[in-house]
């Protein structure tokens, strides 16, 4: 029988292997996070209680993958922390968020 401690060790190895290697946001990173959450879900099933720490970590990783996918799709309301620095500086100077409310306003306002 596998113990919770052994499952935690396996989860730690999975997280270490699939950790993001650089600061860029790519679809490869989204897929890596989704794979990580699937593997952690399987470990949580082996742990036999979904309320455990591994199940919670799987949920957090899944949420991170979906947030990153929203950012890459530029979904309204998604955070854009992975914007290039030049866009972030211009947006900060203009007092707005890059890809944020001003883009939505431009799409919804009537033509001049």
C-alpha atoms as a PDB file:
ATOM      1  CA  UNK A   1       0.000   0.000   0.000  1.00  0.00           C
ATOM      2  CA  UNK A   2       1.322   3.417  -0.940  1.00  0.00           C
ATOM      3  CA  UNK A   3       1.375   6.010   1.831  1.00  0.00           C
ATOM      4  CA  UNK A   4       0.391   9.670   1.741  1.00  0.00           C
ATOM      5  CA  UNK A   5       4.031  10.618   2.259  1.00  0.00           C
ATOM      6  CA  UNK A   6       5.065   8.667  -0.842  1.00  0.00           C
ATOM      7  CA  UNK A   7       2.281  10.304  -2.857  1.00  0.00           C
ATOM      8  CA  UNK A   8       3.434  13.740  -1.657  1.00  0.00           C
ATOM      9  CA  UNK A   9       6.966  12.916  -2.785  1.00  0.00           C
ATOM     10  CA  UNK A  10       5.732  11.893  -6.239  1.00  0.00           C
ATOM     11  CA  UNK A  11       3.696  15.124  -6.456  1.00  0.00           C
ATOM     12  CA  UNK A  12       6.795  17.148  -5.546  1.00  0.00           C
ATOM     13  CA  UNK A  13       8.800  15.446  -8.303  1.00  0.00           C
ATOM     14  CA  UNK A  14       6.035  16.132 -10.848  1.00  0.00           C
ATOM     15  CA  UNK A  15       5.973  19.805  -9.863  1.00  0.00           C
ATOM     16  CA  UNK A  16       9.759  20.081 -10.034  1.00  0.00           C
ATOM     17  CA  UNK A  17       9.943  18.450 -13.489  1.00  0.00           C
ATOM     18  CA  UNK A  18       7.074  20.460 -14.991  1.00  0.00           C
ATOM     19  CA  UNK A  19       8.024  23.816 -13.454  1.00  0.00           C
ATOM     20  CA  UNK A  20       8.125  26.752 -15.870  1.00  0.00           C
ATOM     21  CA  UNK A  21      11.669  27.349 -16.993  1.00  0.00           C
ATOM     22  CA  UNK A  22      11.414  30.959 -18.149  1.00  0.00           C
ATOM     23  CA  UNK A  23       9.100  33.917 -17.777  1.00  0.00           C
ATOM     24  CA  UNK A  24       7.371  33.626 -21.134  1.00  0.00           C
ATOM     25  CA  UNK A  25       3.728  32.639 -21.500  1.00  0.00           C
ATOM     26  CA  UNK A  26       3.187  30.119 -24.288  1.00  0.00           C
ATOM     27  CA  UNK A  27       0.654  27.479 -25.225  1.00  0.00           C
ATOM     28  CA  UNK A  28       3.299  24.893 -24.391  1.00  0.00           C
ATOM     29  CA  UNK A  29       3.222  26.197 -20.824  1.00  0.00           C
ATOM     30  CA  UNK A  30      -0.593  25.909 -20.758  1.00  0.00           C
ATOM     31  CA  UNK A  31      -0.362  22.282 -21.886  1.00  0.00           C
ATOM     32  CA  UNK A  32       2.365  21.606 -19.325  1.00  0.00           C
ATOM     33  CA  UNK A  33       0.157  22.999 -16.545  1.00  0.00           C
ATOM     34  CA  UNK A  34      -2.828  20.953 -17.746  1.00  0.00           C
ATOM     35  CA  UNK A  35      -0.701  17.799 -17.787  1.00  0.00           C
ATOM     36  CA  UNK A  36       0.546  18.584 -14.293  1.00  0.00           C
ATOM     37  CA  UNK A  37      -3.008  19.040 -12.981  1.00  0.00           C
ATOM     38  CA  UNK A  38      -4.092  15.741 -14.583  1.00  0.00           C
ATOM     39  CA  UNK A  39      -1.197  13.882 -12.986  1.00  0.00           C
ATOM     40  CA  UNK A  40      -1.918  15.455  -9.606  1.00  0.00           C
ATOM     41  CA  UNK A  41      -5.596  14.475  -9.979  1.00  0.00           C
ATOM     42  CA  UNK A  42      -4.539  10.868 -10.478  1.00  0.00           C
ATOM     43  CA  UNK A  43      -2.384  11.027  -7.370  1.00  0.00           C
ATOM     44  CA  UNK A  44      -5.284  12.529  -5.428  1.00  0.00           C
ATOM     45  CA  UNK A  45      -7.440   9.597  -6.548  1.00  0.00           C
ATOM     46  CA  UNK A  46      -4.774   7.220  -5.243  1.00  0.00           C
ATOM     47  CA  UNK A  47      -4.791   9.201  -1.998  1.00  0.00           C
ATOM     48  CA  UNK A  48      -8.516   8.314  -1.788  1.00  0.00           C
ATOM     49  CA  UNK A  49      -9.641  11.672  -0.464  1.00  0.00           C
ATOM     50  CA  UNK A  50     -10.073  14.632  -2.783  1.00  0.00           C
ATOM     51  CA  UNK A  51      -9.919  17.125   0.050  1.00  0.00           C
ATOM     52  CA  UNK A  52      -6.245  16.332   0.592  1.00  0.00           C
ATOM     53  CA  UNK A  53      -3.317  18.534  -0.240  1.00  0.00           C
ATOM     54  CA  UNK A  54      -2.652  16.894  -3.613  1.00  0.00           C
ATOM     55  CA  UNK A  55      -6.234  17.452  -4.782  1.00  0.00           C
ATOM     56  CA  UNK A  56      -5.998  21.104  -3.742  1.00  0.00           C
ATOM     57  CA  UNK A  57      -2.717  21.543  -5.590  1.00  0.00           C
ATOM     58  CA  UNK A  58      -4.244  19.978  -8.709  1.00  0.00           C
ATOM     59  CA  UNK A  59      -7.096  22.493  -8.578  1.00  0.00           C
ATOM     60  CA  UNK A  60      -4.683  25.425  -8.175  1.00  0.00           C
ATOM     61  CA  UNK A  61      -2.569  24.269 -11.136  1.00  0.00           C
ATOM     62  CA  UNK A  62      -5.709  23.797 -13.270  1.00  0.00           C
ATOM     63  CA  UNK A  63      -6.836  27.334 -12.408  1.00  0.00           C
ATOM     64  CA  UNK A  64      -3.392  28.691 -13.315  1.00  0.00           C
ATOM     65  CA  UNK A  65      -3.554  26.904 -16.683  1.00  0.00           C
ATOM     66  CA  UNK A  66      -6.955  28.390 -17.462  1.00  0.00           C
ATOM     67  CA  UNK A  67      -5.861  31.904 -16.418  1.00  0.00           C
ATOM     68  CA  UNK A  68      -2.795  31.620 -18.637  1.00  0.00           C
ATOM     69  CA  UNK A  69      -4.932  30.389 -21.550  1.00  0.00           C
ATOM     70  CA  UNK A  70      -7.267  33.359 -21.038  1.00  0.00           C
ATOM     71  CA  UNK A  71      -4.286  35.714 -21.066  1.00  0.00           C
ATOM     72  CA  UNK A  72      -2.975  34.191 -24.284  1.00  0.00           C
ATOM     73  CA  UNK A  73      -6.439  34.502 -25.842  1.00  0.00           C
ATOM     74  CA  UNK A  74      -6.716  38.065 -24.486  1.00  0.00           C
ATOM     75  CA  UNK A  75     -10.086  37.237 -22.968  1.00  0.00           C
ATOM     76  CA  UNK A  76     -11.898  40.230 -21.428  1.00  0.00           C
ATOM     77  CA  UNK A  77     -11.199  40.441 -17.724  1.00  0.00           C
ATOM     78  CA  UNK A  78      -8.078  38.272 -17.894  1.00  0.00           C
ATOM     79  CA  UNK A  79      -4.999  39.574 -16.163  1.00  0.00           C
ATOM     80  CA  UNK A  80      -2.112  40.429 -18.441  1.00  0.00           C
ATOM     81  CA  UNK A  81       0.895  39.986 -16.212  1.00  0.00           C
ATOM     82  CA  UNK A  82       2.808  38.333 -19.069  1.00  0.00           C
ATOM     83  CA  UNK A  83       2.670  41.399 -21.328  1.00  0.00           C
ATOM     84  CA  UNK A  84       5.919  42.583 -22.827  1.00  0.00           C
ATOM     85  CA  UNK A  85       7.541  45.298 -20.691  1.00  0.00           C
ATOM     86  CA  UNK A  86       7.187  48.002 -23.352  1.00  0.00           C
ATOM     87  CA  UNK A  87       3.385  47.542 -23.506  1.00  0.00           C
ATOM     88  CA  UNK A  88       3.114  47.509 -19.728  1.00  0.00           C
ATOM     89  CA  UNK A  89       5.128  50.748 -19.431  1.00  0.00           C
ATOM     90  CA  UNK A  90       3.004  52.534 -22.043  1.00  0.00           C
ATOM     91  CA  UNK A  91      -0.177  51.314 -20.368  1.00  0.00           C
ATOM     92  CA  UNK A  92       1.033  52.453 -16.952  1.00  0.00           C
ATOM     93  CA  UNK A  93       1.914  55.865 -18.375  1.00  0.00           C
ATOM     94  CA  UNK A  94      -1.572  56.134 -19.858  1.00  0.00           C
ATOM     95  CA  UNK A  95      -3.123  54.942 -16.578  1.00  0.00           C
ATOM     96  CA  UNK A  96      -4.666  51.786 -17.996  1.00  0.00           C
ATOM     97  CA  UNK A  97      -4.098  48.065 -18.175  1.00  0.00           C
ATOM     98  CA  UNK A  98      -2.638  46.657 -21.448  1.00  0.00           C
ATOM     99  CA  UNK A  99      -5.348  44.873 -23.416  1.00  0.00           C
ATOM    100  CA  UNK A 100      -7.876  45.967 -20.828  1.00  0.00           C
ATOM    101  CA  UNK A 101     -10.899  48.242 -20.596  1.00  0.00           C
ATOM    102  CA  UNK A 102      -9.867  50.687 -23.330  1.00  0.00           C
ATOM    103  CA  UNK A 103      -9.783  47.857 -25.880  1.00  0.00           C
ATOM    104  CA  UNK A 104     -13.280  46.723 -24.850  1.00  0.00           C
ATOM    105  CA  UNK A 105     -14.513  50.324 -24.987  1.00  0.00           C
ATOM    106  CA  UNK A 106     -13.133  50.720 -28.504  1.00  0.00           C
ATOM    107  CA  UNK A 107     -14.962  47.580 -29.625  1.00  0.00           C
ATOM    108  CA  UNK A 108     -18.293  48.586 -28.086  1.00  0.00           C
ATOM    109  CA  UNK A 109     -18.382  52.321 -28.748  1.00  0.00           C
ATOM    110  CA  UNK A 110     -20.109  53.548 -31.917  1.00  0.00           C
ATOM    111  CA  UNK A 111     -17.916  54.778 -34.773  1.00  0.00           C
ATOM    112  CA  UNK A 112     -17.245  58.507 -34.802  1.00  0.00           C
END
